[in-house]
Amino acid sequence: MLAILALVLLVVGPGATYSTIDQALAEARPGDTIEVRGGEYRAAAYLIDRPLTLIGRMKPVLIGPGDRSILHVTADDVTIAGFVLRHVESSGTEDRAPIFLDGVRGCRIADNEIRDSFFGIRAAKVADCAVVGNRIVGSRLSDQRSGNAIHLWSSDRLLIEGNDVTGHRDGLYLEFVHSSRLVDNDSHENLRYGMHFMFSDSCLYQRNRFRRNGVGVAVMYTNHVTMVDNRFEDNQGPAAYGLLLKDINDSRLRGNLFVRNTVGLYLEGSNRQRVTGNRFAGNGTAVRVLANAADNVFADNVFVGNAFDVTTNSRSATSRFEGNYWDHYRGFDLDHDGWGDVPYRPVRLFALVVEQNEPALILLRSVFVELLDQAERVLPVLTPELLVDARPRMEPPR
């Protein structure tokens, strides 16, 4: 006769079978569901070492012990959903977080709210897990006293979707994370980066919004990244940018919006990127591409309302621009085919002056600077020879 495993619902709350989560965890078997009803629970450091579902009804509040994580998951196939978790104190030696996934597979963290905590959700050496629909609000302390809202390390095939993260050091942090997807997240008003990832190859970032963060988004030492339909907004400051690409290769940026950033897109030591169909609007500098960023292609993008469309640090830059729309273009289209008949040089001579002498920026709107740029357009001798759009669009692409 086959033994049939009966899965059990264990209920925690006032008047329920169990008055504490500890009691329910002690009796739960693999596959059981623990339902925690609304109210406040002074939480110990709970170890979840068997597959189960821990679900909150009416948003129960778990108040942490302060000096430790609240939920430490070491079992595969665990679901945690529907809780408010708060009070995990900062530490100089431990990366404490209300939820810590530790070397597991197939776990799901969904629809929780985390406040007043050092880190938010941490995952280390995990695979095939999902972090979906959580709201994580930090205390906006200093960089040293704040952790990251969602911190992922040495993991594979993750789904990070629909989370709202704010007030932490970095909103989203990935290191040695591969073949993962970050979709529809909103990372805003974090102290340092809206997203920061390193050594994280073959990941997809789609429809995320990064706004009003201290610096912006930084991508470092990574290959084969795809960034589609994201928004980089209002990341402003002396060293701020919407998106920094440093030492990355063979990646794709398509359909993104860069608006009102100090620098929209910054490339350093990054090669063979395809930047297509993006919109750069109202930035201080739309694109800054250094000479050590080689063989990048910018095509079918829209540049409107930027103080500088493109800047660089050398005349030897080798990236290519083709078929973009530039609102500063003053060429003509005699054959009415929709393409400009004369090339457009997006690097202004005055941008090179500012490169050597930054205080000269105060002259940006002066008649002298306009005359300087016009002279360079007529007889270009100082701006980069290769940073030229030979076939600019007369109208923005649809």
Protein backbone atom coordinates (compact mmCIF):
# COMPACT_ATOMS: atom_id res chain seq x y z
CA MET A 1 0.00 0.00 0.00
CA LEU A 2 1.36 3.43 -0.92
CA ALA A 3 1.83 5.83 1.98
CA ILE A 4 0.10 9.14 1.38
CA LEU A 5 1.72 12.20 2.99
CA ALA A 6 -0.98 14.51 4.34
CA LEU A 7 0.18 18.11 4.20
CA VAL A 8 -0.85 20.16 7.22
CA LEU A 9 -1.86 23.79 7.83
CA LEU A 10 -0.45 25.10 11.11
CA VAL A 11 -2.06 28.36 12.27
CA VAL A 12 -0.28 30.87 14.51
CA GLY A 13 -2.02 33.74 16.27
CA PRO A 14 -4.29 34.76 19.13
CA GLY A 15 -6.72 31.94 19.84
CA ALA A 16 -5.09 29.68 17.23
CA THR A 17 -3.44 26.31 17.75
CA TYR A 18 -0.01 27.92 18.14
CA SER A 19 0.73 31.20 19.91
CA THR A 20 4.29 31.58 18.57
CA ILE A 21 6.05 30.91 15.28
CA ASP A 22 8.70 28.91 17.16
CA GLN A 23 6.09 26.34 18.20
CA ALA A 24 4.79 25.91 14.66
CA LEU A 25 8.27 25.60 13.16
CA ALA A 26 9.18 22.93 15.69
CA GLU A 27 6.24 20.73 14.61
CA ALA A 28 6.11 21.49 10.87
CA ARG A 29 6.99 18.67 8.49
CA PRO A 30 8.37 19.08 4.96
CA GLY A 31 5.71 20.52 2.68
CA ASP A 32 3.51 21.95 5.46
CA THR A 33 2.12 25.48 5.49
CA ILE A 34 2.42 27.79 8.50
CA GLU A 35 -0.16 30.57 8.46
CA VAL A 36 0.61 33.53 10.74
CA ARG A 37 -2.34 35.79 11.49
CA GLY A 38 -2.21 39.56 11.89
CA GLY A 39 -0.58 41.15 14.92
CA GLU A 40 2.93 41.86 16.21
CA TYR A 41 5.36 39.07 17.01
CA ARG A 42 8.64 39.57 18.83
CA ALA A 43 10.71 37.39 16.56
CA ALA A 44 13.67 35.27 17.48
CA ALA A 45 16.22 34.33 14.81
CA TYR A 46 14.16 31.65 13.06
CA LEU A 47 15.95 28.86 11.20
CA ILE A 48 13.91 27.35 8.36
CA ASP A 49 15.66 24.05 7.61
CA ARG A 50 12.90 22.11 5.81
CA PRO A 51 10.77 22.89 2.74
CA LEU A 52 7.58 24.67 3.77
CA THR A 53 5.37 27.68 3.14
CA LEU A 54 5.36 30.51 5.68
CA ILE A 55 2.50 32.87 4.87
CA GLY A 56 1.16 35.94 6.63
CA ARG A 57 -2.53 36.85 6.75
CA MET A 58 -3.47 40.52 7.35
CA LYS A 59 0.23 41.52 7.30
CA PRO A 60 1.59 40.21 10.62
CA VAL A 61 4.63 42.16 11.86
CA LEU A 62 7.81 40.31 12.81
CA ILE A 63 10.01 42.52 15.01
CA GLY A 64 13.58 41.25 14.88
CA PRO A 65 16.02 40.72 17.75
CA GLY A 66 18.19 43.50 16.32
CA ASP A 67 21.54 41.73 16.35
CA ARG A 68 20.62 38.85 13.99
CA SER A 69 18.65 38.05 10.86
CA ILE A 70 14.97 37.18 11.40
CA LEU A 71 14.38 34.37 8.85
CA HIS A 72 17.45 32.29 7.96
CA VAL A 73 16.52 29.83 5.19
CA THR A 74 18.73 26.78 4.64
CA ALA A 75 16.17 24.46 2.95
CA ASP A 76 15.10 24.27 -0.69
CA ASP A 77 11.56 25.06 -1.86
CA VAL A 78 10.63 27.51 0.89
CA THR A 79 8.04 30.26 0.32
CA ILE A 80 7.82 33.36 2.54
CA ALA A 81 4.99 35.76 1.73
CA GLY A 82 2.77 38.44 3.27
CA PHE A 83 4.84 39.71 6.23
CA VAL A 84 6.08 43.02 7.59
CA LEU A 85 9.62 42.57 8.92
CA ARG A 86 11.53 45.23 10.79
CA HIS A 87 14.32 46.03 13.18
CA VAL A 88 17.62 44.45 12.20
CA GLU A 89 20.47 46.65 13.38
CA SER A 90 23.56 47.75 11.45
CA SER A 91 26.82 45.89 11.93
CA GLY A 92 30.43 46.42 10.89
CA THR A 93 31.15 42.68 10.77
CA GLU A 94 27.91 40.94 9.70
CA ASP A 95 25.60 41.48 6.72
CA ARG A 96 22.39 41.11 8.71
CA ALA A 97 19.07 41.00 6.89
CA PRO A 98 15.48 40.17 7.86
CA ILE A 99 15.46 37.43 5.19
CA PHE A 100 18.60 35.45 4.31
CA LEU A 101 18.57 32.69 1.68
CA ASP A 102 21.63 30.56 2.34
CA GLY A 103 22.72 28.00 -0.30
CA VAL A 104 19.19 26.99 -1.37
CA ARG A 105 17.18 26.29 -4.53
CA GLY A 106 13.61 26.92 -5.60
CA CYS A 107 12.67 29.46 -2.92
CA ARG A 108 10.18 32.31 -3.32
CA ILE A 109 10.07 35.57 -1.34
CA ALA A 110 6.94 37.52 -2.25
CA ASP A 111 4.75 40.45 -1.16
CA ASN A 112 6.62 41.32 2.01
CA GLU A 113 7.41 44.73 3.47
CA ILE A 114 10.78 45.33 5.13
CA ARG A 115 11.60 48.44 7.17
CA ASP A 116 14.20 49.71 9.62
CA SER A 117 16.79 47.09 8.76
CA PHE A 118 20.47 46.99 7.76
CA PHE A 119 20.13 44.86 4.61
CA GLY A 120 16.74 43.90 3.21
CA ILE A 121 16.88 40.51 1.47
CA ARG A 122 20.17 38.61 1.09
CA ALA A 123 20.81 35.56 -1.06
CA ALA A 124 24.13 33.69 -1.26
CA LYS A 125 24.92 30.64 -3.41
CA VAL A 126 21.31 30.11 -4.41
CA ALA A 127 19.66 29.01 -7.66
CA ASP A 128 16.23 29.14 -9.30
CA CYS A 129 14.76 31.45 -6.66
CA ALA A 130 12.33 34.37 -7.03
CA VAL A 131 12.09 37.68 -5.14
CA VAL A 132 8.81 39.23 -6.25
CA GLY A 133 6.62 42.16 -5.21
CA ASN A 134 8.42 43.19 -2.04
CA ARG A 135 8.70 46.73 -0.67
CA ILE A 136 11.97 47.48 1.13
CA VAL A 137 12.43 50.84 2.87
CA GLY A 138 15.76 51.76 4.45
CA SER A 139 16.52 54.36 7.08
CA ARG A 140 18.69 56.54 4.81
CA LEU A 141 21.63 56.41 7.17
CA SER A 142 25.22 56.88 5.97
CA ASP A 143 26.82 54.52 3.43
CA GLN A 144 28.71 52.79 6.25
CA ARG A 145 25.56 52.20 8.33
CA SER A 146 23.29 51.14 5.46
CA GLY A 147 23.29 47.83 3.62
CA ASN A 148 21.73 46.96 0.28
CA ALA A 149 18.01 46.45 -0.19
CA ILE A 150 18.35 43.27 -2.30
CA HIS A 151 21.84 41.75 -2.12
CA LEU A 152 22.62 38.77 -4.37
CA TRP A 153 25.94 36.91 -4.39
CA SER A 154 27.27 33.91 -6.31
CA SER A 155 23.88 32.76 -7.59
CA ASP A 156 22.23 31.57 -10.80
CA ARG A 157 18.89 31.82 -12.61
CA LEU A 158 17.15 34.26 -10.28
CA LEU A 159 13.98 36.25 -10.94
CA ILE A 160 13.85 39.67 -9.24
CA GLU A 161 10.54 41.22 -10.24
CA GLY A 162 8.23 44.05 -9.20
CA ASN A 163 10.10 45.13 -6.08
CA ASP A 164 10.13 48.71 -4.73
CA VAL A 165 13.41 49.55 -2.95
CA THR A 166 14.48 52.85 -1.40
CA GLY A 167 16.62 54.41 1.32
CA HIS A 168 19.47 51.86 1.30
CA ARG A 169 23.11 52.05 0.23
CA ASP A 170 22.45 50.24 -3.07
CA GLY A 171 18.93 49.37 -4.14
CA LEU A 172 19.90 46.22 -6.08
CA TYR A 173 23.34 44.63 -5.71
CA LEU A 174 24.58 41.64 -7.73
CA GLU A 175 28.02 40.02 -7.64
CA PHE A 176 28.86 36.77 -9.46
CA VAL A 177 25.21 36.34 -10.45
CA HIS A 178 24.53 34.67 -13.81
CA SER A 179 21.63 34.06 -16.20
CA SER A 180 19.17 36.04 -14.09
CA ARG A 181 16.31 38.45 -14.82
CA LEU A 182 15.49 41.75 -13.11
CA VAL A 183 12.13 43.03 -14.34
CA ASP A 184 9.76 45.88 -13.37
CA ASN A 185 11.63 46.95 -10.23
CA ASP A 186 11.60 50.54 -8.93
CA SER A 187 14.85 51.58 -7.24
CA HIS A 188 14.80 55.17 -6.03
CA GLU A 189 16.41 57.58 -3.56
CA ASN A 190 19.13 55.19 -2.47
CA LEU A 191 22.31 56.65 -1.01
CA ARG A 192 24.70 55.29 -3.62
CA TYR A 193 23.57 53.17 -6.60
CA GLY A 194 20.09 52.34 -7.80
CA MET A 195 21.70 49.13 -9.05
CA HIS A 196 25.28 47.92 -8.79
CA PHE A 197 26.46 44.70 -10.36
CA MET A 198 29.86 43.13 -11.03
CA PHE A 199 30.99 39.85 -12.61
CA SER A 200 27.38 39.03 -13.46
CA ASP A 201 27.23 37.71 -17.01
CA SER A 202 24.27 36.92 -19.26
CA CYS A 203 21.63 38.79 -17.26
CA LEU A 204 18.51 40.61 -18.50
CA TYR A 205 17.38 43.95 -17.02
CA GLN A 206 13.98 45.00 -18.36
CA ARG A 207 11.45 47.75 -17.56
CA ASN A 208 13.19 48.79 -14.35
CA ARG A 209 13.12 52.38 -13.10
CA PHE A 210 16.17 53.98 -11.47
CA ARG A 211 15.46 57.48 -10.21
CA ARG A 212 16.95 60.07 -7.86
CA ASN A 213 19.71 57.80 -6.59
CA GLY A 214 23.00 59.16 -5.29
CA VAL A 215 25.00 58.12 -8.34
CA GLY A 216 22.87 55.96 -10.64
CA VAL A 217 23.54 52.46 -11.97
CA ALA A 218 27.01 50.92 -12.26
CA VAL A 219 27.85 47.85 -14.37
CA MET A 220 31.39 46.52 -13.99
CA TYR A 221 33.51 43.60 -15.22
CA THR A 222 30.60 41.85 -16.92
CA ASN A 223 29.79 40.40 -20.36
CA HIS A 224 26.64 39.73 -22.39
CA VAL A 225 24.22 41.98 -20.54
CA THR A 226 20.87 42.98 -22.07
CA MET A 227 19.19 46.16 -20.82
CA VAL A 228 15.80 46.85 -22.41
CA ASP A 229 13.10 49.49 -21.76
CA ASN A 230 14.56 50.76 -18.48
CA ARG A 231 14.29 54.33 -17.20
CA PHE A 232 17.27 56.24 -15.75
CA GLU A 233 15.89 59.46 -14.28
CA ASP A 234 17.09 62.44 -12.20
CA ASN A 235 20.40 60.94 -11.07
CA GLN A 236 22.22 64.22 -10.47
CA GLY A 237 25.37 65.38 -8.68
CA PRO A 238 29.06 66.17 -9.29
CA ALA A 239 29.86 62.53 -10.17
CA ALA A 240 26.40 61.23 -11.04
CA TYR A 241 25.28 59.34 -14.12
CA GLY A 242 22.27 57.36 -15.21
CA LEU A 243 24.27 54.29 -16.27
CA LEU A 244 28.00 53.60 -16.03
CA LEU A 245 29.52 50.78 -18.07
CA LYS A 246 33.05 49.95 -16.95
CA ASP A 247 35.01 47.05 -18.42
CA ILE A 248 32.02 45.26 -19.90
CA ASN A 249 31.80 43.68 -23.34
CA ASP A 250 29.31 42.47 -25.94
CA SER A 251 26.18 43.89 -24.31
CA ARG A 252 22.95 45.38 -25.66
CA LEU A 253 21.07 48.52 -24.61
CA ARG A 254 17.74 49.00 -26.35
CA GLY A 255 14.69 51.17 -25.80
CA ASN A 256 15.93 52.79 -22.58
CA LEU A 257 15.12 56.34 -21.43
CA PHE A 258 17.87 58.56 -20.00
CA VAL A 259 16.37 61.80 -18.71
CA ARG A 260 17.69 64.63 -16.52
CA ASN A 261 20.90 62.90 -15.44
CA THR A 262 24.21 64.68 -15.01
CA VAL A 263 25.61 62.12 -17.47
CA GLY A 264 23.13 59.79 -19.13
CA LEU A 265 25.41 56.95 -20.29
CA TYR A 266 29.13 56.63 -19.45
CA LEU A 267 31.44 54.10 -21.14
CA GLU A 268 34.94 53.31 -19.91
CA GLY A 269 36.96 50.31 -21.07
CA SER A 270 33.77 48.83 -22.52
CA ASN A 271 33.79 47.29 -25.96
CA ARG A 272 31.37 46.12 -28.65
CA GLN A 273 28.17 47.43 -27.05
CA ARG A 274 25.16 48.00 -29.30
CA VAL A 275 23.19 51.03 -28.11
CA THR A 276 20.02 51.22 -30.20
CA GLY A 277 16.62 52.86 -30.01
CA ASN A 278 17.26 54.73 -26.75
CA ARG A 279 16.12 58.25 -25.87
CA PHE A 280 18.45 60.80 -24.22
CA ALA A 281 16.53 63.88 -23.05
CA GLY A 282 17.47 66.83 -20.87
CA ASN A 283 20.77 65.44 -19.58
CA GLY A 284 23.86 67.50 -18.84
CA THR A 285 25.82 65.11 -21.06
CA ALA A 286 23.84 62.45 -22.90
CA VAL A 287 26.73 60.07 -23.68
CA ARG A 288 30.32 60.18 -22.45
CA VAL A 289 32.45 57.61 -24.24
CA LEU A 290 36.16 57.44 -23.41
CA ALA A 291 38.88 56.59 -25.91
CA ASN A 292 39.47 53.19 -24.25
CA ALA A 293 35.88 52.16 -25.10
CA ALA A 294 36.22 50.63 -28.55
CA ASP A 295 33.94 49.45 -31.35
CA ASN A 296 30.67 50.51 -29.75
CA VAL A 297 27.75 51.24 -32.07
CA PHE A 298 25.08 53.89 -31.40
CA ALA A 299 22.18 53.60 -33.85
CA ASP A 300 18.57 54.82 -34.09
CA ASN A 301 18.77 56.78 -30.84
CA VAL A 302 17.11 60.12 -30.10
CA PHE A 303 19.05 63.04 -28.57
CA VAL A 304 16.93 66.02 -27.49
CA GLY A 305 17.48 68.86 -25.04
CA ASN A 306 20.92 67.80 -23.80
CA ALA A 307 23.57 70.39 -22.97
CA PHE A 308 26.16 68.11 -24.60
CA ASP A 309 25.12 65.19 -26.81
CA VAL A 310 28.48 63.37 -26.75
CA THR A 311 31.75 64.03 -24.93
CA THR A 312 35.07 62.18 -24.92
CA ASN A 313 38.63 62.57 -23.68
CA SER A 314 40.52 62.00 -26.93
CA ARG A 315 40.41 62.59 -30.68
CA SER A 316 41.14 58.89 -31.21
CA ALA A 317 37.79 57.53 -29.96
CA THR A 318 36.61 54.64 -32.20
CA SER A 319 32.92 54.22 -31.38
CA ARG A 320 30.46 54.69 -34.26
CA PHE A 321 27.26 56.69 -34.57
CA GLU A 322 24.82 55.95 -37.38
CA GLY A 323 21.23 56.93 -38.09
CA ASN A 324 20.52 58.81 -34.87
CA TYR A 325 18.24 61.83 -34.45
CA TRP A 326 19.94 64.97 -33.06
CA ASP A 327 17.93 68.06 -32.22
CA HIS A 328 21.11 70.15 -32.60
CA TYR A 329 21.58 69.02 -36.21
CA ARG A 330 21.34 71.91 -38.66
CA GLY A 331 21.79 70.00 -41.92
CA PHE A 332 19.38 69.60 -44.82
CA ASP A 333 17.63 66.84 -46.79
CA LEU A 334 17.47 67.89 -50.44
CA ASP A 335 16.31 64.52 -51.74
CA HIS A 336 13.63 64.16 -49.01
CA ASP A 337 14.59 60.62 -48.07
CA GLY A 338 14.48 61.35 -44.33
CA TRP A 339 18.26 61.33 -43.87
CA GLY A 340 20.56 64.35 -43.54
CA ASP A 341 22.74 65.06 -46.57
CA VAL A 342 25.70 66.23 -44.49
CA PRO A 343 27.27 64.42 -41.51
CA TYR A 344 26.73 65.52 -37.91
CA ARG A 345 29.58 65.81 -35.43
CA PRO A 346 28.04 65.38 -31.97
CA VAL A 347 31.20 66.32 -30.02
CA ARG A 348 31.23 70.09 -29.60
CA LEU A 349 34.54 71.93 -29.56
CA PHE A 350 33.43 73.61 -26.35
CA ALA A 351 33.06 70.16 -24.77
CA LEU A 352 36.79 69.63 -25.35
CA VAL A 353 37.49 73.01 -23.75
CA VAL A 354 35.47 72.02 -20.68
CA GLU A 355 37.35 68.68 -20.61
CA GLN A 356 40.59 70.61 -20.05
CA ASN A 357 39.17 73.44 -17.94
CA GLU A 358 35.90 72.59 -16.18
CA PRO A 359 35.17 76.11 -14.82
CA ALA A 360 34.76 77.22 -18.46
CA LEU A 361 31.32 75.59 -18.27
CA ILE A 362 30.01 78.93 -16.99
CA LEU A 363 30.31 80.20 -20.58
CA LEU A 364 28.01 77.49 -21.98
CA ARG A 365 25.22 79.86 -23.12
CA SER A 366 27.50 82.66 -24.34
CA VAL A 367 27.73 84.03 -27.90
CA PHE A 368 31.47 83.29 -27.89
CA VAL A 369 30.86 79.55 -27.38
CA GLU A 370 28.29 79.45 -30.18
CA LEU A 371 30.77 81.08 -32.56
CA LEU A 372 33.47 78.64 -31.46
CA ASP A 373 31.25 75.63 -32.17
CA GLN A 374 30.13 77.00 -35.52
CA ALA A 375 33.74 77.53 -36.63
CA GLU A 376 34.58 73.94 -35.71
CA ARG A 377 31.58 72.62 -37.65
CA VAL A 378 32.71 74.48 -40.78
CA LEU A 379 36.37 73.41 -40.48
CA PRO A 380 36.71 70.52 -37.99
CA VAL A 381 40.29 70.22 -36.82
CA LEU A 382 40.09 69.46 -33.09
CA THR A 383 37.00 67.32 -32.51
CA PRO A 384 37.32 63.51 -32.94
CA GLU A 385 37.45 62.48 -36.59
CA LEU A 386 35.62 59.18 -36.11
CA LEU A 387 32.81 60.31 -33.81
CA VAL A 388 30.60 61.36 -36.69
CA ASP A 389 27.06 60.38 -37.62
CA ALA A 390 27.36 60.19 -41.42
CA ARG A 391 23.60 59.70 -41.93
CA PRO A 392 21.64 61.54 -39.23
CA ARG A 393 17.88 61.33 -39.17
CA MET A 394 15.77 64.37 -39.95
CA GLU A 395 12.93 63.11 -37.71
CA PRO A 396 12.97 60.88 -34.60
CA PRO A 397 12.38 57.18 -35.33
CA ARG A 398 8.95 55.89 -34.35
